[in-house]
N, C-alpha and C. Protein backbone atom coordinates (compact mmCIF):
# COMPACT_ATOMS: atom_id res chain seq x y z
N MET A 1 0.97 -1.18 0.03
CA MET A 1 -0.02 -0.03 0.07
C MET A 1 0.85 1.25 -0.07
N LYS A 2 0.44 2.16 -0.80
CA LYS A 2 1.43 3.46 -0.88
C LYS A 2 0.39 4.68 -0.94
N LEU A 3 0.96 5.63 -0.33
CA LEU A 3 0.13 7.10 -0.56
C LEU A 3 0.23 7.43 -1.96
N ASP A 4 -0.83 7.54 -2.67
CA ASP A 4 -0.87 7.86 -4.18
C ASP A 4 -1.33 9.29 -4.46
N MET A 5 -2.13 9.78 -3.60
CA MET A 5 -2.78 11.14 -4.01
C MET A 5 -3.15 11.88 -2.79
N VAL A 6 -3.01 13.19 -2.74
CA VAL A 6 -3.69 14.12 -1.73
C VAL A 6 -4.84 14.82 -2.37
N GLY A 7 -5.91 14.72 -1.91
CA GLY A 7 -7.12 15.29 -2.44
C GLY A 7 -7.49 16.54 -1.56
N LEU A 8 -7.76 17.75 -2.27
CA LEU A 8 -7.98 19.04 -1.61
C LEU A 8 -9.41 19.52 -2.07
N LYS A 9 -10.23 19.84 -1.08
CA LYS A 9 -11.36 20.52 -1.44
C LYS A 9 -11.11 21.99 -1.76
N VAL A 10 -11.74 22.50 -2.80
CA VAL A 10 -11.47 23.89 -3.09
C VAL A 10 -12.70 24.56 -3.52
N GLN A 11 -12.68 25.92 -3.39
CA GLN A 11 -13.82 26.80 -3.59
C GLN A 11 -13.95 27.21 -5.04
N ASN A 12 -12.82 27.43 -5.65
CA ASN A 12 -12.85 27.97 -7.07
C ASN A 12 -12.04 27.23 -7.83
N MET A 13 -12.36 26.45 -8.82
CA MET A 13 -11.52 25.56 -9.52
C MET A 13 -10.44 26.37 -10.48
N ALA A 14 -10.96 27.30 -10.99
CA ALA A 14 -9.99 28.10 -11.91
C ALA A 14 -8.85 28.70 -11.15
N GLN A 15 -9.28 29.30 -10.09
CA GLN A 15 -8.25 30.05 -9.16
C GLN A 15 -7.28 28.97 -8.59
N SER A 16 -7.69 27.82 -8.14
CA SER A 16 -6.83 26.75 -7.63
C SER A 16 -6.01 26.31 -8.74
N LEU A 17 -6.54 25.97 -9.90
CA LEU A 17 -5.69 25.41 -10.93
C LEU A 17 -4.51 26.43 -11.28
N ALA A 18 -4.94 27.70 -11.33
CA ALA A 18 -3.77 28.69 -11.64
C ALA A 18 -2.84 28.62 -10.60
N PHE A 19 -3.13 28.58 -9.38
CA PHE A 19 -2.29 28.58 -8.27
C PHE A 19 -1.22 27.33 -8.38
N TYR A 20 -1.88 26.20 -8.52
CA TYR A 20 -0.99 24.96 -8.46
C TYR A 20 -0.11 24.80 -9.87
N GLU A 21 -0.70 25.44 -10.88
CA GLU A 21 0.14 25.49 -12.18
C GLU A 21 1.37 26.39 -11.89
N ALA A 22 1.04 27.57 -11.10
CA ALA A 22 2.19 28.40 -10.81
C ALA A 22 3.29 27.61 -10.03
N LEU A 23 2.85 26.84 -9.28
CA LEU A 23 3.85 26.01 -8.43
C LEU A 23 4.55 24.92 -9.17
N GLY A 24 4.24 24.70 -10.39
CA GLY A 24 4.76 23.76 -11.30
C GLY A 24 4.10 22.40 -11.52
N PHE A 25 2.80 22.45 -11.08
CA PHE A 25 1.93 21.13 -11.34
C PHE A 25 1.44 21.20 -12.71
N GLY A 26 1.53 20.12 -13.29
CA GLY A 26 0.69 19.99 -14.65
C GLY A 26 -0.67 19.35 -14.40
N VAL A 27 -1.46 19.58 -15.38
CA VAL A 27 -2.80 19.24 -15.27
C VAL A 27 -2.90 17.79 -16.06
N LEU A 28 -3.32 16.70 -15.34
CA LEU A 28 -3.50 15.50 -16.04
C LEU A 28 -4.91 15.35 -16.42
N SER A 29 -5.87 15.80 -15.67
CA SER A 29 -7.35 15.72 -16.20
C SER A 29 -8.08 16.98 -15.58
N GLY A 30 -9.17 17.17 -16.14
CA GLY A 30 -10.09 18.32 -15.53
C GLY A 30 -9.68 19.62 -16.02
N GLY A 31 -10.36 20.63 -15.59
CA GLY A 31 -10.04 21.92 -16.03
C GLY A 31 -10.85 22.97 -15.26
N PRO A 32 -10.66 24.32 -15.64
CA PRO A 32 -11.30 25.39 -14.74
C PRO A 32 -12.81 25.38 -14.69
N ASN A 33 -13.47 24.70 -15.64
CA ASN A 33 -14.90 24.62 -15.60
C ASN A 33 -15.52 23.26 -15.13
N GLU A 34 -14.61 22.44 -14.43
CA GLU A 34 -15.00 21.17 -14.12
C GLU A 34 -15.08 21.02 -12.52
N THR A 35 -15.69 19.96 -12.04
CA THR A 35 -15.76 19.87 -10.62
C THR A 35 -14.53 19.12 -10.12
N TYR A 36 -13.64 18.41 -10.91
CA TYR A 36 -12.38 17.69 -10.43
C TYR A 36 -11.26 17.91 -11.38
N ALA A 37 -10.16 18.08 -10.95
CA ALA A 37 -8.98 18.10 -11.67
C ALA A 37 -7.89 17.32 -10.94
N GLU A 38 -7.02 16.75 -11.77
CA GLU A 38 -5.96 15.88 -11.10
C GLU A 38 -4.65 16.44 -11.79
N LEU A 39 -3.67 16.70 -10.85
CA LEU A 39 -2.47 17.37 -11.08
C LEU A 39 -1.20 16.52 -10.81
N ASN A 40 -0.12 16.81 -11.29
CA ASN A 40 1.00 16.05 -10.99
C ASN A 40 2.31 16.90 -11.05
N ASN A 41 3.13 16.86 -10.04
CA ASN A 41 4.51 17.45 -9.98
C ASN A 41 5.51 16.42 -9.59
N ASN A 42 6.36 16.00 -10.52
CA ASN A 42 7.36 15.15 -10.34
C ASN A 42 6.92 13.87 -9.59
N GLY A 43 5.90 13.35 -10.03
CA GLY A 43 5.16 12.06 -9.40
C GLY A 43 4.40 12.08 -8.20
N VAL A 44 4.27 13.52 -7.81
CA VAL A 44 3.24 13.78 -6.70
C VAL A 44 1.89 14.08 -7.29
N ARG A 45 0.91 13.29 -6.97
CA ARG A 45 -0.42 13.68 -7.54
C ARG A 45 -1.26 14.43 -6.54
N VAL A 46 -1.96 15.44 -6.85
CA VAL A 46 -2.94 16.19 -6.09
C VAL A 46 -4.21 16.20 -6.88
N SER A 47 -5.36 15.99 -6.24
CA SER A 47 -6.70 16.23 -6.83
C SER A 47 -7.29 17.53 -6.21
N LEU A 48 -7.89 18.22 -7.07
CA LEU A 48 -8.70 19.41 -6.76
C LEU A 48 -10.13 19.00 -6.85
N ASN A 49 -10.99 19.27 -5.80
CA ASN A 49 -12.33 18.84 -5.92
C ASN A 49 -13.25 19.87 -5.33
N LEU A 50 -14.29 20.23 -6.16
CA LEU A 50 -15.37 21.12 -5.66
C LEU A 50 -16.29 20.39 -4.91
N PHE A 51 -16.99 21.24 -4.00
CA PHE A 51 -18.03 20.68 -3.08
C PHE A 51 -18.94 19.69 -3.74
N THR A 52 -19.53 20.28 -5.05
CA THR A 52 -20.46 19.40 -5.72
C THR A 52 -20.05 17.93 -6.01
N MET A 53 -18.75 17.90 -6.46
CA MET A 53 -18.36 16.53 -6.76
C MET A 53 -18.12 15.84 -5.53
N LEU A 54 -17.52 16.29 -4.50
CA LEU A 54 -17.30 15.61 -3.25
C LEU A 54 -18.62 15.10 -2.55
N SER A 55 -19.59 15.93 -2.80
CA SER A 55 -20.83 15.62 -2.12
C SER A 55 -21.35 14.20 -2.60
N GLU A 56 -21.27 14.02 -3.95
CA GLU A 56 -21.56 12.71 -4.41
C GLU A 56 -20.63 11.60 -3.99
N VAL A 57 -19.48 11.75 -3.92
CA VAL A 57 -18.61 10.68 -3.57
C VAL A 57 -18.70 10.37 -1.96
N TYR A 58 -18.82 11.35 -1.27
CA TYR A 58 -19.14 11.06 0.20
C TYR A 58 -20.52 10.86 0.66
N GLN A 59 -21.35 10.86 -0.25
CA GLN A 59 -22.93 10.80 0.01
C GLN A 59 -23.35 11.71 1.14
N ILE A 60 -23.10 12.99 0.87
CA ILE A 60 -23.47 13.97 1.76
C ILE A 60 -24.96 14.26 1.76
N PRO A 61 -25.72 14.34 2.81
CA PRO A 61 -27.20 14.53 2.82
C PRO A 61 -27.58 15.85 1.85
N LEU A 62 -28.83 15.54 1.20
CA LEU A 62 -29.17 16.62 0.25
C LEU A 62 -29.30 17.90 0.86
N GLU A 63 -29.85 17.86 2.16
CA GLU A 63 -29.90 19.35 2.71
C GLU A 63 -28.59 20.01 2.94
N ASP A 64 -27.54 19.29 3.17
CA ASP A 64 -26.25 19.82 3.28
C ASP A 64 -25.76 20.49 1.94
N VAL A 65 -26.07 19.55 0.92
CA VAL A 65 -25.65 19.91 -0.56
C VAL A 65 -26.45 21.20 -0.98
N LEU A 66 -27.74 21.18 -0.63
CA LEU A 66 -28.53 22.34 -1.04
C LEU A 66 -28.02 23.76 -0.34
N ASN A 67 -27.64 23.55 0.91
CA ASN A 67 -27.16 24.65 1.73
C ASN A 67 -25.76 24.92 1.44
N GLN A 68 -25.08 24.13 0.72
CA GLN A 68 -23.62 24.15 0.63
C GLN A 68 -22.98 24.19 1.82
N ASN A 69 -23.34 23.16 2.81
CA ASN A 69 -22.66 23.18 4.12
C ASN A 69 -21.27 22.55 3.85
N GLU A 70 -20.32 23.58 3.73
CA GLU A 70 -18.84 23.14 3.52
C GLU A 70 -18.29 22.32 4.74
N ALA A 71 -18.70 22.59 5.86
CA ALA A 71 -18.19 21.83 6.94
C ALA A 71 -18.56 20.36 6.92
N ALA A 72 -19.63 19.92 6.10
CA ALA A 72 -19.96 18.57 5.82
C ALA A 72 -18.85 17.70 5.23
N ILE A 73 -18.04 18.43 4.54
CA ILE A 73 -16.93 17.61 3.84
C ILE A 73 -15.55 18.06 4.29
N PRO A 74 -14.66 17.10 4.69
CA PRO A 74 -13.25 17.63 4.99
C PRO A 74 -12.57 18.22 3.98
N LYS A 75 -11.54 18.96 4.33
CA LYS A 75 -10.84 19.67 3.34
C LYS A 75 -9.68 18.88 2.58
N VAL A 76 -9.18 17.83 3.37
CA VAL A 76 -8.15 17.04 2.80
C VAL A 76 -8.43 15.53 2.90
N GLU A 77 -7.95 14.78 2.01
CA GLU A 77 -8.20 13.36 1.96
C GLU A 77 -6.87 12.80 1.42
N LEU A 78 -6.46 11.70 2.09
CA LEU A 78 -5.20 10.95 1.71
C LEU A 78 -5.78 9.69 0.96
N ALA A 79 -5.28 9.46 -0.17
CA ALA A 79 -5.65 8.35 -0.98
C ALA A 79 -4.51 7.30 -1.18
N PHE A 80 -4.82 6.03 -0.62
CA PHE A 80 -3.87 4.98 -0.58
C PHE A 80 -4.09 4.03 -1.70
N LEU A 81 -3.29 3.69 -2.53
CA LEU A 81 -3.44 2.69 -3.60
C LEU A 81 -2.85 1.32 -3.13
N VAL A 82 -3.76 0.32 -3.45
CA VAL A 82 -3.38 -1.10 -3.20
C VAL A 82 -3.41 -1.72 -4.54
N ASP A 83 -2.75 -3.03 -4.56
CA ASP A 83 -2.49 -3.59 -5.91
C ASP A 83 -3.91 -4.23 -6.52
N GLU A 84 -4.82 -4.76 -5.72
CA GLU A 84 -6.02 -5.36 -6.34
C GLU A 84 -7.24 -5.01 -5.42
N PRO A 85 -8.41 -5.07 -6.15
CA PRO A 85 -9.73 -4.81 -5.27
C PRO A 85 -9.77 -5.60 -3.94
N LYS A 86 -9.43 -6.85 -3.93
CA LYS A 86 -9.66 -7.56 -2.77
C LYS A 86 -8.83 -7.01 -1.52
N GLN A 87 -7.76 -6.38 -1.91
CA GLN A 87 -6.96 -5.68 -0.82
C GLN A 87 -7.64 -4.41 -0.22
N VAL A 88 -8.43 -3.89 -1.09
CA VAL A 88 -9.36 -2.78 -0.37
C VAL A 88 -10.24 -3.33 0.61
N ASP A 89 -10.98 -4.43 0.36
CA ASP A 89 -11.89 -5.02 1.21
C ASP A 89 -11.14 -5.55 2.44
N ASP A 90 -10.12 -6.14 2.16
CA ASP A 90 -9.21 -6.80 3.30
C ASP A 90 -8.71 -5.65 4.34
N LYS A 91 -8.16 -4.64 3.82
CA LYS A 91 -7.67 -3.62 4.66
C LYS A 91 -8.82 -2.87 5.35
N TYR A 92 -9.80 -2.64 4.59
CA TYR A 92 -11.12 -2.09 5.28
C TYR A 92 -11.56 -2.97 6.44
N GLN A 93 -11.63 -4.25 6.19
CA GLN A 93 -12.04 -5.14 7.33
C GLN A 93 -11.22 -5.09 8.46
N GLU A 94 -9.84 -5.13 8.23
CA GLU A 94 -8.77 -5.19 9.29
C GLU A 94 -8.83 -3.92 10.11
N LEU A 95 -9.11 -2.71 9.48
CA LEU A 95 -9.40 -1.50 10.26
C LEU A 95 -10.60 -1.37 10.92
N LYS A 96 -11.60 -1.92 10.33
CA LYS A 96 -12.95 -1.88 11.10
C LYS A 96 -12.79 -2.81 12.29
N ASP A 97 -12.22 -3.93 12.14
CA ASP A 97 -11.98 -4.92 13.24
C ASP A 97 -11.23 -4.29 14.49
N LYS A 98 -10.36 -3.32 14.10
CA LYS A 98 -9.60 -2.76 15.09
C LYS A 98 -10.21 -1.58 15.73
N GLY A 99 -11.44 -1.28 15.31
CA GLY A 99 -12.41 -0.31 15.93
C GLY A 99 -12.23 1.02 15.30
N TYR A 100 -11.62 1.24 14.18
CA TYR A 100 -11.58 2.46 13.54
C TYR A 100 -12.92 2.89 12.71
N GLU A 101 -13.19 4.10 12.83
CA GLU A 101 -14.49 4.56 12.34
C GLU A 101 -14.55 4.33 10.74
N ILE A 102 -15.56 3.88 10.23
CA ILE A 102 -15.73 3.70 8.73
C ILE A 102 -16.70 4.88 8.30
N TYR A 103 -16.16 5.48 7.25
CA TYR A 103 -16.95 6.61 6.65
C TYR A 103 -17.72 6.01 5.55
N ARG A 104 -17.17 5.14 4.61
CA ARG A 104 -17.93 4.57 3.65
C ARG A 104 -17.37 3.19 3.25
N GLU A 105 -18.30 2.11 3.26
CA GLU A 105 -17.80 0.82 3.23
C GLU A 105 -17.37 0.78 1.65
N PRO A 106 -16.69 -0.45 1.29
CA PRO A 106 -16.15 -0.60 0.00
C PRO A 106 -17.35 -0.59 -1.03
N TRP A 107 -17.06 -0.01 -2.18
CA TRP A 107 -17.91 -0.02 -3.39
C TRP A 107 -17.13 0.18 -4.71
N ASP A 108 -17.67 -0.30 -5.83
CA ASP A 108 -17.06 -0.14 -7.00
C ASP A 108 -17.52 1.25 -7.57
N ALA A 109 -16.66 2.25 -7.56
CA ALA A 109 -16.96 3.60 -8.11
C ALA A 109 -17.12 3.64 -9.59
N PHE A 110 -17.84 4.73 -9.99
CA PHE A 110 -18.10 4.82 -11.33
C PHE A 110 -16.84 5.20 -12.07
N TRP A 111 -15.78 5.61 -11.59
CA TRP A 111 -14.57 5.96 -12.34
C TRP A 111 -13.64 4.79 -12.42
N GLY A 112 -13.96 3.64 -12.12
CA GLY A 112 -13.28 2.37 -12.24
C GLY A 112 -12.40 1.92 -11.26
N GLN A 113 -12.65 2.24 -9.95
CA GLN A 113 -11.97 1.86 -8.87
C GLN A 113 -12.74 1.23 -7.77
N ARG A 114 -12.20 0.33 -7.14
CA ARG A 114 -12.84 -0.30 -5.92
C ARG A 114 -12.33 0.75 -4.74
N TYR A 115 -13.23 1.23 -3.94
CA TYR A 115 -12.82 2.25 -3.05
C TYR A 115 -13.56 2.12 -1.70
N ALA A 116 -12.92 2.53 -0.54
CA ALA A 116 -13.43 2.60 0.63
C ALA A 116 -12.91 3.75 1.33
N ILE A 117 -13.72 4.41 2.31
CA ILE A 117 -13.21 5.59 3.00
C ILE A 117 -13.27 5.34 4.57
N ILE A 118 -12.01 5.51 5.32
CA ILE A 118 -11.91 5.36 6.64
C ILE A 118 -11.60 6.70 7.22
N LYS A 119 -11.97 6.72 8.57
CA LYS A 119 -11.63 7.99 9.29
C LYS A 119 -10.44 7.60 10.23
N ASP A 120 -9.45 8.54 10.40
CA ASP A 120 -8.32 8.29 11.40
C ASP A 120 -8.83 8.77 12.72
N PRO A 121 -7.95 8.76 13.79
CA PRO A 121 -8.42 9.08 15.01
C PRO A 121 -8.70 10.58 15.11
N ASP A 122 -8.31 11.41 14.23
CA ASP A 122 -8.57 12.88 14.14
C ASP A 122 -9.68 13.37 13.22
N ASN A 123 -10.39 12.18 12.72
CA ASN A 123 -11.49 12.46 11.81
C ASN A 123 -11.06 12.93 10.30
N ASN A 124 -9.75 12.71 9.92
CA ASN A 124 -9.35 12.91 8.64
C ASN A 124 -9.74 11.73 7.79
N LEU A 125 -10.03 11.94 6.48
CA LEU A 125 -10.44 10.85 5.75
C LEU A 125 -9.32 10.20 5.04
N LEU A 126 -9.19 8.80 5.00
CA LEU A 126 -8.24 8.10 4.21
C LEU A 126 -9.11 7.23 3.29
N SER A 127 -8.62 7.35 2.02
CA SER A 127 -9.40 6.45 0.94
C SER A 127 -8.49 5.36 0.82
N LEU A 128 -8.95 4.02 0.53
CA LEU A 128 -8.26 2.92 -0.01
C LEU A 128 -8.91 2.61 -1.25
N PHE A 129 -8.03 2.36 -2.31
CA PHE A 129 -8.48 2.24 -3.60
C PHE A 129 -7.63 1.32 -4.39
N ALA A 130 -8.17 0.61 -5.32
CA ALA A 130 -7.51 -0.23 -6.32
C ALA A 130 -8.32 -0.06 -7.68
N HIS A 131 -7.48 -0.23 -8.74
CA HIS A 131 -8.18 -0.12 -10.02
C HIS A 131 -8.99 -1.36 -10.29
N LEU A 132 -10.06 -1.18 -10.90
CA LEU A 132 -10.88 -2.46 -11.31
C LEU A 132 -10.34 -2.87 -12.62
N GLU A 133 -10.33 -4.06 -12.87
CA GLU A 133 -9.87 -4.67 -14.16
C GLU A 133 -11.05 -4.63 -15.19
N GLY A 134 -10.94 -4.42 -16.39
CA GLY A 134 -11.99 -4.69 -17.34
C GLY A 134 -12.40 -3.57 -18.13
């Protein structure tokens, strides 16, 4: 398992993209008019995520989405890559058995990954993911 990407919640995609491009990050996907962008700088991946996109991934209640309750979604997420989908389930179960809080149980995400979200002791979100074959 390796730390593969840091996800950041942003308010304004165009401004955030311009800032990270000024730091030397290249845009791998997404753009100023999209809800998600993925950047890279010398092998370090960062995702920029608008509230509307994150609300779907984290299954935020409709009331919080309509009110744009920014506090409902953490600002930072660490995403850990494992080799295969079964390892997502195994690591999820191991952490659950140790009493760590589960944010979202494993599921096959529409973007082609097996995904689970766990909270650390300080309520930071950690994603476990593997690419789905096929």
